[in-house]
Amino acid sequence: MIPGAPEVPPEHVQSKNIIVIHPGSLNLRIGKACDLNPVTVLHAVARRRKPGGQVYSDTFLPLRGDLNQPKDLEEARLTISHTLQSCLQSDGRRRYATPPQQIAAFNRRVQPENTGDTGGEWIKVEGDTVVGNDIFWLNPEESFNVHFPYKRGDFNIHSGPGGSMTAVLADLETIWSYVIETQLQINIQDLKNFKAVLIIPDVYNRTYLRELTYLLLNSMRFGSCFLVQDHVTATFGSGLSYACVVDVGDQKTSVSCVEDGICHPNTRVRLEYGGGDISQIFYWLLQKCAFPYKECDDQNKLDSILLRKLKEEFCHVNLDICGSQEKSFTLKQPEKPICQYTIQVGDECIIAPLSLFNPELFAITGPKQIHTQKISTGDPEDPHDEIYLRDIRRKGIKEESSASELNESYLESQQAGTEEDIVVDAMDPIIVQSVKEFIINPGQILGLDQAVLQSIDRCPNEDLKRKMYGCVLVVGGGMKFSGIGTWLQNRISLQIPYLYRAEQLDIITNPRDMDPSMVAWKGACIMSCLETAQELWIEAIEWEKYGVRVLRERAPFTW
């Protein structure tokens, strides 16, 4: 070492060689563990179509369902509207609302102001692939298919072109390699000197995890890697040892209870709605108020940026803002004049975010499934999989019980072959965890407050439930609305079981004053540099030798 040179802590040296990857349905967040913030790019790839090839494009906003029967949506809108009218402002006065008809009358008279400039040019494409944000500026006349490898928080497997698992993994490799080379300035050939941390969903598919590990270690040739759940890294990023984590992304919302780096399997739930669905609801509400930009198309990629921007800038849950508000926005698109619109908006700005608690409005983007963690059904590549371990456990218990003195009734029931499975399965925590399902009425969608209450209710003991009611952590980029934390707090407070009422309910929406969409990424950076994380790394040579077995034994979550 050079005399007098400042000592660099070993974790900082190490953090320069760790790349943290957080893939999402809309955006990819990626960067070195030593970076202050990740690079955030559109998590998509556009591939040039072969002559006569099938046209295919994943949508930039969730597709709207059939709106020919808007009666249920209208009822849901009115329900929220009536709730808002019964609320009070912070000074105790009743709220008032401007009728949508009055706002529509103003908006119908709005004419765009032309600034005289044009919105620039489409990008010129030389190769056959376009990755990330450049896709937005790709001329629609060009013959490209657009693929998002993730949808609703998991692999985007479908029957169209590019919908197979092989194609999804190829897209992931293309996107990640391109961003590592162009944004992180790392040569792909040098990845053998780097380690990768991949942030995975709390509700995961074991087959996908195995394929992702193959992708990192065999295809991209990282020196080593480990996988970690997003809710666990969110607690690390927030500096919390435990929390009920609510993660609202663009296309999914997930809830689970995390304690000391363990995400309790029975508490995990993933719901198929997020910020993109709220954008669609807000667009529908704007249309009801005669949105003056009539050419707006929710499936046009540049209009989808605009709708997201309007939602982020206009939507809030501040009950002190009443009546109509004048807002303006600029329309800037290539080869078209730049226009400015001034419009009026009312309670639509509050109704759209509150759809998280009145999820009937999410019917606008079609039916929704609910996902919970499934127990393992075995893995053909792993001879010591969950089923093998369960059988060994059964065998051990059977041998123990036959060796001890058993009373006659137990012996009889065992000979009948009924009791053994019941006794063993009752002792098997994995099987017990799978019993309690999340409750929703038929045809309905689970609201965010209900998801939190039911997740906490599935904690294994009373002490843990009490702790979770005391700390609810909200992360992700889909719920960044001022005042929504207070609304969530009020909704949960009204429904907390009497036993836990004494607890101070704490909702954390901006942990450490950080952008909530980056908390999980930041937490993975912190975690990857800890001394205790050293035993989590899976070396490429180990993976080649033992395959999925090493992943099951080394993973920091219940496999």
Protein backbone atom coordinates (compact mmCIF):
# COMPACT_ATOMS: atom_id res chain seq x y z
CA MET A 1 0.00 0.00 0.00
CA ILE A 2 1.19 3.55 -0.74
CA PRO A 3 2.37 5.23 2.51
CA GLY A 4 -0.11 7.85 3.71
CA ALA A 5 -2.90 6.69 1.35
CA PRO A 6 -6.32 6.48 3.02
CA GLU A 7 -7.40 2.95 3.79
CA VAL A 8 -10.32 1.79 1.65
CA PRO A 9 -12.73 -0.40 3.62
CA PRO A 10 -12.77 -3.96 2.17
CA GLU A 11 -16.55 -3.82 1.62
CA HIS A 12 -16.10 -0.80 -0.69
CA VAL A 13 -13.52 -2.65 -2.80
CA GLN A 14 -15.90 -5.58 -2.93
CA SER A 15 -18.94 -3.42 -3.75
CA LYS A 16 -17.24 -2.18 -6.95
CA ASN A 17 -17.34 -5.74 -8.29
CA ILE A 18 -20.98 -6.45 -7.42
CA ILE A 19 -23.77 -5.70 -9.89
CA VAL A 20 -27.28 -5.51 -8.40
CA ILE A 21 -30.14 -6.28 -10.82
CA HIS A 22 -33.77 -5.48 -9.99
CA PRO A 23 -36.02 -6.43 -12.94
CA GLY A 24 -39.60 -5.10 -13.07
CA SER A 25 -42.62 -5.28 -15.35
CA LEU A 26 -41.98 -1.72 -16.59
CA ASN A 27 -38.48 -0.68 -15.53
CA LEU A 28 -35.12 -2.33 -14.91
CA ARG A 29 -32.98 -0.97 -12.08
CA ILE A 30 -29.35 -1.97 -12.30
CA GLY A 31 -26.05 -0.68 -10.95
CA LYS A 32 -22.90 -1.45 -8.98
CA ALA A 33 -23.34 -1.97 -5.24
CA CYS A 34 -21.12 1.09 -4.66
CA ASP A 35 -23.35 3.40 -6.77
CA LEU A 36 -25.56 5.97 -5.07
CA ASN A 37 -28.52 5.26 -7.39
CA PRO A 38 -29.26 2.59 -9.99
CA VAL A 39 -29.60 3.13 -13.73
CA THR A 40 -33.36 2.98 -14.46
CA VAL A 41 -34.41 2.04 -18.00
CA LEU A 42 -37.48 0.65 -19.74
CA HIS A 43 -37.30 -3.12 -19.26
CA ALA A 44 -38.06 -4.01 -22.88
CA VAL A 45 -36.43 -4.96 -26.16
CA ALA A 46 -37.61 -4.22 -29.72
CA ARG A 47 -36.59 -6.72 -32.38
CA ARG A 48 -36.83 -6.14 -36.13
CA ARG A 49 -39.46 -8.36 -37.77
CA LYS A 50 -38.38 -10.71 -40.49
CA PRO A 51 -40.14 -10.05 -43.86
CA GLY A 52 -43.65 -11.49 -43.57
CA GLY A 53 -43.13 -12.15 -39.84
CA GLN A 54 -45.98 -11.98 -37.35
CA VAL A 55 -46.66 -8.54 -35.87
CA TYR A 56 -46.50 -8.50 -32.06
CA SER A 57 -46.12 -5.81 -29.41
CA ASP A 58 -46.53 -5.98 -25.65
CA THR A 59 -48.54 -3.03 -24.34
CA PHE A 60 -47.01 -0.10 -22.45
CA LEU A 61 -50.07 0.19 -20.19
CA PRO A 62 -52.28 -2.73 -19.05
CA LEU A 63 -54.95 -3.36 -21.68
CA ARG A 64 -58.41 -2.02 -21.00
CA GLY A 65 -61.18 -4.58 -20.76
CA ASP A 66 -64.58 -4.31 -22.43
CA LEU A 67 -66.07 -0.95 -21.41
CA ASN A 68 -69.45 -1.58 -23.08
CA GLN A 69 -70.86 -2.38 -19.63
CA PRO A 70 -69.50 0.50 -17.50
CA LYS A 71 -72.30 0.20 -14.89
CA ASP A 72 -70.14 -1.52 -12.24
CA LEU A 73 -67.27 0.93 -12.79
CA GLU A 74 -69.67 3.85 -12.47
CA GLU A 75 -71.07 2.42 -9.21
CA ALA A 76 -67.53 2.01 -7.85
CA ARG A 77 -66.69 5.61 -8.83
CA LEU A 78 -69.83 6.92 -7.11
CA THR A 79 -69.05 4.93 -3.95
CA ILE A 80 -65.65 6.64 -3.63
CA SER A 81 -67.16 10.00 -4.57
CA HIS A 82 -69.82 9.72 -1.80
CA THR A 83 -67.14 8.68 0.72
CA LEU A 84 -65.11 11.80 -0.17
CA GLN A 85 -68.18 14.02 0.23
CA SER A 86 -68.69 12.70 3.75
CA CYS A 87 -65.05 13.46 4.70
CA LEU A 88 -63.93 16.60 6.52
CA GLN A 89 -61.07 18.95 5.71
CA SER A 90 -58.28 19.41 8.26
CA ASP A 91 -60.02 22.55 9.65
CA GLY A 92 -63.23 20.59 10.30
CA ARG A 93 -65.25 21.95 7.36
CA ARG A 94 -67.09 19.56 5.06
CA ARG A 95 -65.56 18.82 1.68
CA TYR A 96 -67.28 19.97 -1.48
CA ALA A 97 -66.83 18.72 -5.04
CA THR A 98 -67.38 20.31 -8.45
CA PRO A 99 -69.73 18.13 -10.52
CA PRO A 100 -67.97 16.35 -13.44
CA GLN A 101 -70.50 17.93 -15.87
CA GLN A 102 -69.30 21.42 -14.90
CA ILE A 103 -65.64 20.43 -15.36
CA ALA A 104 -66.51 18.78 -18.70
CA ALA A 105 -68.19 22.01 -19.90
CA PHE A 106 -64.91 23.90 -19.29
CA ASN A 107 -62.73 21.19 -20.89
CA ARG A 108 -64.88 21.04 -24.05
CA ARG A 109 -63.98 24.68 -24.75
CA VAL A 110 -60.23 24.08 -24.34
CA GLN A 111 -58.11 24.58 -27.45
CA PRO A 112 -54.43 23.55 -27.52
CA GLU A 113 -51.88 26.36 -27.66
CA ASN A 114 -49.30 25.78 -30.36
CA THR A 115 -45.78 26.81 -29.27
CA GLY A 116 -44.44 26.71 -32.84
CA ASP A 117 -41.63 24.22 -32.18
CA THR A 118 -41.70 20.55 -33.16
CA GLY A 119 -41.14 17.66 -30.74
CA GLY A 120 -37.92 16.47 -32.35
CA GLU A 121 -37.22 13.44 -34.56
CA TRP A 122 -37.65 9.69 -34.32
CA ILE A 123 -34.37 7.85 -33.68
CA LYS A 124 -32.55 6.31 -36.62
CA VAL A 125 -32.01 2.58 -36.13
CA GLU A 126 -29.02 0.80 -37.60
CA GLY A 127 -29.17 -2.67 -36.02
CA ASP A 128 -31.94 -5.21 -35.51
CA THR A 129 -32.51 -4.62 -31.80
CA VAL A 130 -33.38 -1.55 -29.74
CA VAL A 131 -33.18 -1.72 -25.94
CA GLY A 132 -34.61 0.41 -23.14
CA ASN A 133 -35.85 4.01 -23.35
CA ASP A 134 -34.91 4.34 -27.04
CA ILE A 135 -37.98 2.18 -27.82
CA PHE A 136 -40.19 5.18 -26.99
CA TRP A 137 -38.55 7.15 -29.83
CA LEU A 138 -38.71 4.33 -32.36
CA ASN A 139 -40.77 5.32 -35.42
CA PRO A 140 -44.03 3.29 -35.44
CA GLU A 141 -43.53 2.93 -39.22
CA GLU A 142 -40.47 0.75 -38.55
CA SER A 143 -41.15 -3.00 -38.50
CA PHE A 144 -40.24 -3.86 -34.90
CA ASN A 145 -41.87 -6.18 -32.36
CA VAL A 146 -41.70 -4.99 -28.75
CA HIS A 147 -41.24 -7.49 -25.90
CA PHE A 148 -41.42 -6.93 -22.13
CA PRO A 149 -39.84 -10.02 -20.47
CA TYR A 150 -41.78 -9.43 -17.22
CA LYS A 151 -45.54 -8.94 -16.87
CA ARG A 152 -47.57 -8.57 -13.65
CA GLY A 153 -44.38 -9.16 -11.64
CA ASP A 154 -43.28 -12.45 -13.23
CA PHE A 155 -42.10 -13.95 -16.55
CA ASN A 156 -44.22 -12.82 -19.50
CA ILE A 157 -44.96 -16.29 -20.91
CA HIS A 158 -47.61 -16.24 -23.68
CA SER A 159 -48.55 -18.05 -26.89
CA GLY A 160 -47.50 -15.24 -29.28
CA PRO A 161 -44.07 -14.63 -30.88
CA GLY A 162 -41.35 -14.32 -28.22
CA GLY A 163 -43.59 -15.79 -25.53
CA SER A 164 -41.66 -18.98 -24.72
CA MET A 165 -39.39 -19.23 -21.68
CA THR A 166 -36.35 -19.53 -23.97
CA ALA A 167 -37.34 -16.28 -25.72
CA VAL A 168 -37.94 -14.48 -22.40
CA LEU A 169 -34.51 -15.52 -21.11
CA ALA A 170 -32.89 -14.44 -24.41
CA ASP A 171 -34.61 -11.02 -24.07
CA LEU A 172 -33.38 -10.68 -20.48
CA GLU A 173 -29.81 -11.48 -21.53
CA THR A 174 -29.99 -8.95 -24.40
CA ILE A 175 -31.36 -6.15 -22.20
CA TRP A 176 -29.12 -6.73 -19.18
CA SER A 177 -25.93 -7.18 -21.27
CA TYR A 178 -26.66 -4.01 -23.29
CA VAL A 179 -27.28 -1.88 -20.18
CA ILE A 180 -24.17 -3.28 -18.40
CA GLU A 181 -22.02 -2.39 -21.43
CA THR A 182 -23.51 1.00 -22.35
CA GLN A 183 -24.57 2.42 -18.95
CA LEU A 184 -22.22 0.72 -16.47
CA GLN A 185 -19.27 0.74 -18.94
CA ILE A 186 -18.37 -2.88 -18.19
CA ASN A 187 -17.21 -5.21 -20.96
CA ILE A 188 -19.33 -8.38 -21.08
CA GLN A 189 -16.13 -10.46 -21.37
CA ASP A 190 -15.10 -9.16 -17.92
CA LEU A 191 -18.24 -10.37 -16.08
CA LYS A 192 -16.29 -13.38 -14.79
CA ASN A 193 -14.62 -10.89 -12.41
CA PHE A 194 -17.99 -9.60 -11.17
CA LYS A 195 -20.64 -10.94 -8.83
CA ALA A 196 -24.38 -10.53 -9.46
CA VAL A 197 -27.23 -10.04 -6.98
CA LEU A 198 -30.63 -10.68 -8.54
CA ILE A 199 -33.70 -9.36 -6.76
CA ILE A 200 -36.59 -11.81 -7.19
CA PRO A 201 -40.32 -11.54 -6.31
CA ASP A 202 -41.51 -12.59 -2.85
CA VAL A 203 -43.93 -15.04 -4.55
CA TYR A 204 -41.64 -16.94 -6.90
CA ASN A 205 -41.68 -19.81 -9.37
CA ARG A 206 -38.85 -22.26 -8.64
CA THR A 207 -38.39 -23.17 -12.32
CA TYR A 208 -37.91 -19.49 -13.23
CA LEU A 209 -35.33 -19.06 -10.44
CA ARG A 210 -33.35 -22.04 -11.69
CA GLU A 211 -33.36 -20.63 -15.25
CA LEU A 212 -32.34 -17.16 -14.03
CA THR A 213 -29.37 -18.68 -12.17
CA TYR A 214 -28.37 -20.51 -15.37
CA LEU A 215 -28.68 -17.19 -17.22
CA LEU A 216 -26.37 -15.34 -14.79
CA LEU A 217 -23.73 -18.04 -14.33
CA ASN A 218 -23.77 -20.01 -17.61
CA SER A 219 -24.94 -17.54 -20.28
CA MET A 220 -23.70 -14.17 -18.98
CA ARG A 221 -20.79 -15.85 -17.16
CA PHE A 222 -20.77 -13.92 -13.88
CA GLY A 223 -18.19 -15.27 -11.44
CA SER A 224 -20.84 -15.86 -8.77
CA CYS A 225 -24.34 -14.76 -7.82
CA PHE A 226 -27.10 -15.00 -5.27
CA LEU A 227 -30.84 -14.42 -5.40
CA VAL A 228 -32.77 -12.48 -2.76
CA GLN A 229 -36.44 -11.57 -2.34
CA ASP A 230 -37.52 -7.97 -2.96
CA HIS A 231 -39.37 -7.61 0.37
CA VAL A 232 -36.30 -8.75 2.31
CA THR A 233 -34.07 -6.21 0.55
CA ALA A 234 -36.73 -3.52 1.14
CA THR A 235 -36.33 -3.98 4.91
CA PHE A 236 -32.51 -3.78 4.54
CA GLY A 237 -32.85 -0.61 2.46
CA SER A 238 -35.13 0.93 5.12
CA GLY A 239 -32.95 -0.08 8.05
CA LEU A 240 -35.75 -2.17 9.62
CA SER A 241 -35.38 -5.61 11.22
CA TYR A 242 -39.06 -6.40 10.62
CA ALA A 243 -42.01 -4.97 8.66
CA CYS A 244 -45.18 -5.82 6.82
CA VAL A 245 -43.91 -4.85 3.35
CA VAL A 246 -46.36 -3.41 0.79
CA ASP A 247 -44.72 -3.20 -2.64
CA VAL A 248 -46.77 -1.44 -5.32
CA GLY A 249 -45.15 -1.70 -8.74
CA ASP A 250 -46.44 -0.79 -12.18
CA GLN A 251 -48.38 -4.00 -12.79
CA LYS A 252 -48.45 -5.81 -9.47
CA THR A 253 -48.92 -5.19 -5.77
CA SER A 254 -47.38 -7.60 -3.27
CA VAL A 255 -47.64 -7.87 0.50
CA SER A 256 -45.73 -10.05 2.98
CA CYS A 257 -44.37 -10.03 6.53
CA VAL A 258 -40.57 -10.00 6.91
CA GLU A 259 -38.70 -10.61 10.16
CA ASP A 260 -34.90 -10.77 10.53
CA GLY A 261 -34.35 -11.32 6.81
CA ILE A 262 -36.99 -14.06 6.49
CA CYS A 263 -40.13 -13.51 4.43
CA HIS A 264 -42.80 -15.74 6.04
CA PRO A 265 -44.16 -17.94 3.21
CA ASN A 266 -47.76 -18.04 4.41
CA THR A 267 -48.04 -14.23 4.53
CA ARG A 268 -47.08 -13.64 0.88
CA VAL A 269 -49.65 -12.49 -1.66
CA ARG A 270 -49.29 -10.91 -5.11
CA LEU A 271 -52.19 -9.01 -6.69
CA GLU A 272 -52.42 -8.24 -10.40
CA TYR A 273 -52.79 -4.47 -10.22
CA GLY A 274 -50.44 -1.53 -9.81
CA GLY A 275 -49.53 1.97 -10.99
CA GLY A 276 -50.26 1.20 -14.66
CA ASP A 277 -53.85 0.19 -13.79
CA ILE A 278 -54.27 3.42 -11.79
CA SER A 279 -53.10 5.34 -14.91
CA GLN A 280 -55.85 3.60 -16.92
CA ILE A 281 -58.49 4.45 -14.28
CA PHE A 282 -57.33 8.09 -14.23
CA TYR A 283 -57.51 8.24 -18.05
CA TRP A 284 -61.07 6.84 -17.94
CA LEU A 285 -62.03 9.50 -15.35
CA LEU A 286 -60.43 12.25 -17.47
CA GLN A 287 -62.42 11.08 -20.49
CA LYS A 288 -65.63 11.38 -18.44
CA CYS A 289 -64.67 15.03 -17.92
CA ALA A 290 -64.16 15.67 -21.67
CA PHE A 291 -60.35 15.30 -21.77
CA PRO A 292 -59.46 17.80 -24.54
CA TYR A 293 -56.58 15.75 -26.05
CA LYS A 294 -59.05 13.60 -28.00
CA GLU A 295 -56.43 11.77 -30.11
CA CYS A 296 -54.91 10.26 -26.94
CA ASP A 297 -54.53 6.49 -27.29
CA ASP A 298 -53.67 4.46 -24.19
CA GLN A 299 -51.80 1.91 -26.35
CA ASN A 300 -49.62 4.54 -28.07
CA LYS A 301 -46.25 4.35 -26.27
CA LEU A 302 -45.74 8.14 -26.09
CA ASP A 303 -49.32 8.69 -24.89
CA SER A 304 -48.69 6.05 -22.23
CA ILE A 305 -45.76 8.18 -20.95
CA LEU A 306 -48.07 11.20 -20.90
CA LEU A 307 -50.84 9.37 -18.98
CA ARG A 308 -48.33 8.13 -16.39
CA LYS A 309 -46.92 11.65 -16.05
CA LEU A 310 -50.40 13.17 -15.61
CA LYS A 311 -51.21 10.61 -12.93
CA GLU A 312 -47.94 11.29 -11.06
CA GLU A 313 -48.31 15.08 -11.26
CA PHE A 314 -52.07 15.49 -10.72
CA CYS A 315 -53.12 12.60 -8.42
CA HIS A 316 -52.99 12.88 -4.62
CA VAL A 317 -55.00 12.01 -1.50
CA ASN A 318 -55.17 15.47 0.10
CA LEU A 319 -58.71 16.05 1.40
CA ASP A 320 -58.06 19.80 1.79
CA ILE A 321 -58.00 20.20 -2.01
CA CYS A 322 -61.64 20.61 -3.02
CA GLY A 323 -63.49 21.71 -6.14
CA SER A 324 -62.01 22.13 -9.59
CA GLN A 325 -58.31 22.89 -10.12
CA GLU A 326 -56.72 24.26 -13.29
CA LYS A 327 -53.77 22.23 -14.52
CA SER A 328 -51.68 22.36 -17.65
CA PHE A 329 -49.62 19.82 -19.56
CA THR A 330 -47.41 19.87 -22.66
CA LEU A 331 -47.74 17.43 -25.54
CA LYS A 332 -44.39 16.79 -27.18
CA GLN A 333 -44.09 14.10 -29.86
CA PRO A 334 -41.65 13.67 -32.76
CA GLU A 335 -42.56 15.35 -36.06
CA LYS A 336 -45.60 17.09 -34.51
CA PRO A 337 -45.92 20.64 -33.19
CA ILE A 338 -45.55 21.04 -29.40
CA CYS A 339 -48.94 21.86 -27.85
CA GLN A 340 -49.96 23.03 -24.41
CA TYR A 341 -53.35 22.22 -22.86
CA THR A 342 -54.94 23.86 -19.83
CA ILE A 343 -57.63 21.67 -18.27
CA GLN A 344 -59.77 21.47 -15.15
CA VAL A 345 -59.72 18.46 -12.85
CA GLY A 346 -61.70 17.69 -9.70
CA ASP A 347 -61.97 14.73 -7.36
CA GLU A 348 -60.83 12.43 -10.21
CA CYS A 349 -57.31 13.11 -8.89
CA ILE A 350 -58.24 11.48 -5.56
CA ILE A 351 -60.59 8.77 -6.88
CA ALA A 352 -57.89 7.13 -9.08
CA PRO A 353 -55.39 6.45 -6.22
CA LEU A 354 -58.21 5.33 -3.90
CA SER A 355 -58.98 2.48 -6.31
CA LEU A 356 -56.31 0.61 -4.26
CA PHE A 357 -58.92 0.45 -1.48
CA ASN A 358 -61.96 0.15 -3.77
CA PRO A 359 -60.52 -2.40 -6.19
CA GLU A 360 -63.79 -2.80 -8.16
CA LEU A 361 -62.38 -0.01 -10.36
CA PHE A 362 -59.52 -2.31 -11.40
CA ALA A 363 -62.06 -4.26 -13.43
CA ILE A 364 -61.25 -1.65 -16.10
CA THR A 365 -58.17 -3.75 -16.99
CA GLY A 366 -59.95 -7.12 -16.88
CA PRO A 367 -60.15 -9.96 -14.35
CA LYS A 368 -57.38 -10.29 -11.75
CA GLN A 369 -55.75 -13.36 -10.25
CA ILE A 370 -54.33 -13.67 -6.74
CA HIS A 371 -50.95 -15.43 -6.31
CA THR A 372 -49.63 -17.06 -3.13
CA GLN A 373 -46.50 -19.12 -2.53
CA LYS A 374 -47.08 -22.72 -3.61
CA ILE A 375 -45.34 -25.65 -1.93
CA SER A 376 -42.75 -27.44 -4.04
CA THR A 377 -43.99 -30.27 -6.24
CA GLY A 378 -40.45 -31.53 -6.77
CA ASP A 379 -37.71 -30.82 -9.27
CA PRO A 380 -36.52 -33.41 -11.82
CA GLU A 381 -33.02 -31.87 -11.70
CA ASP A 382 -32.77 -32.15 -7.91
CA PRO A 383 -32.68 -35.70 -6.49
CA HIS A 384 -32.76 -34.23 -2.96
CA ASP A 385 -35.78 -32.00 -3.58
CA GLU A 386 -38.61 -31.13 -1.20
CA ILE A 387 -40.50 -34.40 -1.84
CA TYR A 388 -37.39 -36.48 -1.07
CA LEU A 389 -36.80 -34.55 2.16
CA ARG A 390 -40.46 -34.94 3.14
CA ASP A 391 -40.32 -38.68 2.55
CA ILE A 392 -37.14 -38.97 4.63
CA ARG A 393 -38.84 -36.98 7.39
CA ARG A 394 -41.84 -39.30 7.24
CA LYS A 395 -39.62 -42.36 7.33
CA GLY A 396 -37.73 -41.03 10.34
CA ILE A 397 -40.92 -40.28 12.24
CA LYS A 398 -42.33 -43.69 11.30
CA GLU A 399 -39.20 -45.46 12.59
CA GLU A 400 -39.18 -43.44 15.80
CA SER A 401 -42.83 -44.16 16.47
CA SER A 402 -42.47 -47.91 15.85
CA ALA A 403 -39.44 -48.05 18.17
CA SER A 404 -41.30 -46.40 21.06
CA GLU A 405 -44.14 -47.96 22.99
CA LEU A 406 -47.34 -46.96 21.23
CA ASN A 407 -50.81 -47.37 22.66
CA GLU A 408 -53.11 -49.80 20.90
CA SER A 409 -55.43 -47.21 19.37
CA TYR A 410 -52.51 -45.43 17.72
CA LEU A 411 -51.13 -48.75 16.39
CA GLU A 412 -54.53 -49.63 14.95
CA SER A 413 -54.92 -46.28 13.24
CA GLN A 414 -51.39 -46.53 11.82
CA GLN A 415 -52.09 -50.00 10.47
CA ALA A 416 -55.22 -48.61 8.84
CA GLY A 417 -52.86 -46.22 7.04
CA THR A 418 -54.78 -43.07 7.88
CA GLU A 419 -53.01 -41.52 10.82
CA GLU A 420 -49.44 -41.52 9.53
CA ASP A 421 -49.89 -38.88 6.87
CA ILE A 422 -51.97 -36.68 9.13
CA VAL A 423 -49.44 -36.79 11.96
CA VAL A 424 -46.44 -36.25 9.71
CA ASP A 425 -48.03 -33.53 7.61
CA ALA A 426 -49.15 -31.73 10.74
CA MET A 427 -45.51 -31.66 11.81
CA ASP A 428 -44.39 -30.47 8.39
CA PRO A 429 -44.37 -26.63 8.50
CA ILE A 430 -44.38 -26.31 4.72
CA ILE A 431 -47.65 -28.21 4.43
CA VAL A 432 -49.24 -26.34 7.34
CA GLN A 433 -48.33 -23.02 5.71
CA SER A 434 -50.20 -23.86 2.54
CA VAL A 435 -53.54 -24.39 4.29
CA LYS A 436 -54.72 -20.82 4.87
CA GLU A 437 -55.83 -19.15 1.66
CA PHE A 438 -56.49 -15.43 1.19
CA ILE A 439 -60.24 -14.78 1.33
CA ILE A 440 -62.06 -12.85 -1.38
CA ASN A 441 -65.69 -12.88 -2.35
CA PRO A 442 -66.38 -14.60 -5.70
CA GLY A 443 -65.80 -12.27 -8.64
CA GLN A 444 -64.20 -9.59 -6.45
CA ILE A 445 -60.66 -8.21 -6.23
CA LEU A 446 -58.71 -8.02 -2.95
CA GLY A 447 -58.14 -4.40 -1.86
CA LEU A 448 -54.81 -3.21 -0.46
CA ASP A 449 -56.01 -2.75 3.14
CA GLN A 450 -57.58 -6.23 3.11
CA ALA A 451 -54.36 -7.74 1.70
CA VAL A 452 -52.35 -6.17 4.56
CA LEU A 453 -54.80 -7.35 7.26
CA GLN A 454 -54.97 -10.89 5.87
CA SER A 455 -51.20 -11.10 5.41
CA ILE A 456 -50.56 -10.09 9.04
CA ASP A 457 -53.28 -12.50 10.20
CA ARG A 458 -51.24 -15.34 8.63
CA CYS A 459 -48.18 -14.66 10.82
CA PRO A 460 -47.27 -17.74 12.90
CA ASN A 461 -47.70 -16.13 16.36
CA GLU A 462 -49.39 -13.28 18.22
CA ASP A 463 -46.14 -11.42 19.05
CA LEU A 464 -45.20 -11.23 15.38
CA LYS A 465 -48.69 -10.00 14.43
CA ARG A 466 -48.39 -7.26 17.04
CA LYS A 467 -44.98 -6.21 15.64
CA MET A 468 -46.30 -6.14 12.06
CA TYR A 469 -49.23 -3.88 12.96
CA GLY A 470 -46.62 -1.54 14.43
CA CYS A 471 -44.61 -1.28 11.19
CA VAL A 472 -46.06 -1.25 7.66
CA LEU A 473 -43.47 -0.34 5.02
CA VAL A 474 -44.69 0.97 1.63
CA VAL A 475 -42.21 0.71 -1.27
CA GLY A 476 -42.31 0.59 -5.09
CA GLY A 477 -43.06 3.24 -7.69
CA GLY A 478 -46.81 2.68 -8.11
CA MET A 479 -48.13 4.37 -4.96
CA LYS A 480 -46.28 7.68 -4.82
CA PHE A 481 -49.29 9.86 -3.98
CA SER A 482 -49.15 12.48 -1.23
CA GLY A 483 -51.45 11.60 1.67
CA ILE A 484 -52.04 7.96 0.69
CA GLY A 485 -50.09 6.67 3.73
CA THR A 486 -52.54 8.41 6.06
CA TRP A 487 -55.51 6.95 4.17
CA LEU A 488 -53.99 3.44 4.42
CA GLN A 489 -53.37 4.01 8.13
CA ASN A 490 -56.99 5.04 8.71
CA ARG A 491 -58.38 2.10 6.72
CA ILE A 492 -56.27 -0.44 8.62
CA SER A 493 -56.87 1.22 12.03
CA LEU A 494 -60.63 0.80 11.61
CA GLN A 495 -60.24 -2.93 10.94
CA ILE A 496 -57.43 -4.00 13.31
CA PRO A 497 -58.59 -6.88 15.55
CA TYR A 498 -59.34 -5.66 19.09
CA LEU A 499 -56.42 -7.66 20.51
CA TYR A 500 -53.85 -5.44 18.70
CA ARG A 501 -55.57 -2.05 19.04
CA ALA A 502 -53.08 -0.86 21.64
CA GLU A 503 -50.28 -0.97 19.07
CA GLN A 504 -49.20 2.29 17.44
CA LEU A 505 -49.82 1.69 13.73
CA ASP A 506 -46.89 3.14 11.81
CA ILE A 507 -46.99 3.48 8.01
CA ILE A 508 -43.58 4.27 6.46
CA THR A 509 -43.89 5.65 2.91
CA ASN A 510 -40.50 7.40 2.47
CA PRO A 511 -37.92 5.33 4.31
CA ARG A 512 -34.76 7.36 4.95
CA ASP A 513 -36.19 10.05 2.60
CA MET A 514 -35.42 7.71 -0.30
CA ASP A 515 -37.36 7.27 -3.52
CA PRO A 516 -39.59 4.26 -2.60
CA SER A 517 -39.00 2.69 -6.02
CA MET A 518 -35.27 2.35 -5.24
CA VAL A 519 -35.47 1.02 -1.66
CA ALA A 520 -35.27 -2.68 -2.61
CA TRP A 521 -32.31 -2.07 -4.94
CA LYS A 522 -30.49 -0.08 -2.24
CA GLY A 523 -31.19 -2.81 0.32
CA ALA A 524 -29.66 -5.46 -1.97
CA CYS A 525 -26.51 -3.30 -2.29
CA ILE A 526 -26.20 -3.07 1.51
CA MET A 527 -26.93 -6.77 1.99
CA SER A 528 -24.41 -7.91 -0.65
CA CYS A 529 -21.54 -6.21 1.21
CA LEU A 530 -22.32 -7.68 4.64
CA GLU A 531 -19.94 -10.24 6.09
CA THR A 532 -22.87 -12.59 6.74
CA ALA A 533 -23.72 -12.55 3.02
CA GLN A 534 -20.44 -14.26 2.10
CA GLU A 535 -21.96 -17.71 2.58
CA LEU A 536 -24.81 -16.91 0.14
CA TRP A 537 -22.68 -16.60 -3.00
CA ILE A 538 -23.02 -19.41 -5.53
CA GLU A 539 -19.80 -19.79 -7.52
CA ALA A 540 -20.09 -20.63 -11.23
CA ILE A 541 -17.99 -23.79 -10.69
CA GLU A 542 -20.32 -24.97 -7.88
CA TRP A 543 -23.37 -24.38 -10.04
CA GLU A 544 -21.84 -26.44 -12.83
CA LYS A 545 -21.13 -29.28 -10.41
CA TYR A 546 -24.26 -29.38 -8.21
CA GLY A 547 -26.90 -27.43 -10.19
CA VAL A 548 -30.18 -26.53 -8.49
CA ARG A 549 -29.22 -28.36 -5.30
CA VAL A 550 -26.71 -25.66 -4.38
CA LEU A 551 -29.38 -22.99 -5.00
CA ARG A 552 -31.81 -24.73 -2.65
CA GLU A 553 -29.17 -25.13 0.06
CA ARG A 554 -27.67 -21.65 -0.28
CA ALA A 555 -30.80 -19.52 -0.98
CA PRO A 556 -31.64 -17.04 1.80
CA PHE A 557 -35.33 -18.03 1.62
CA THR A 558 -37.43 -21.18 2.09
CA TRP A 559 -36.97 -23.08 -1.17
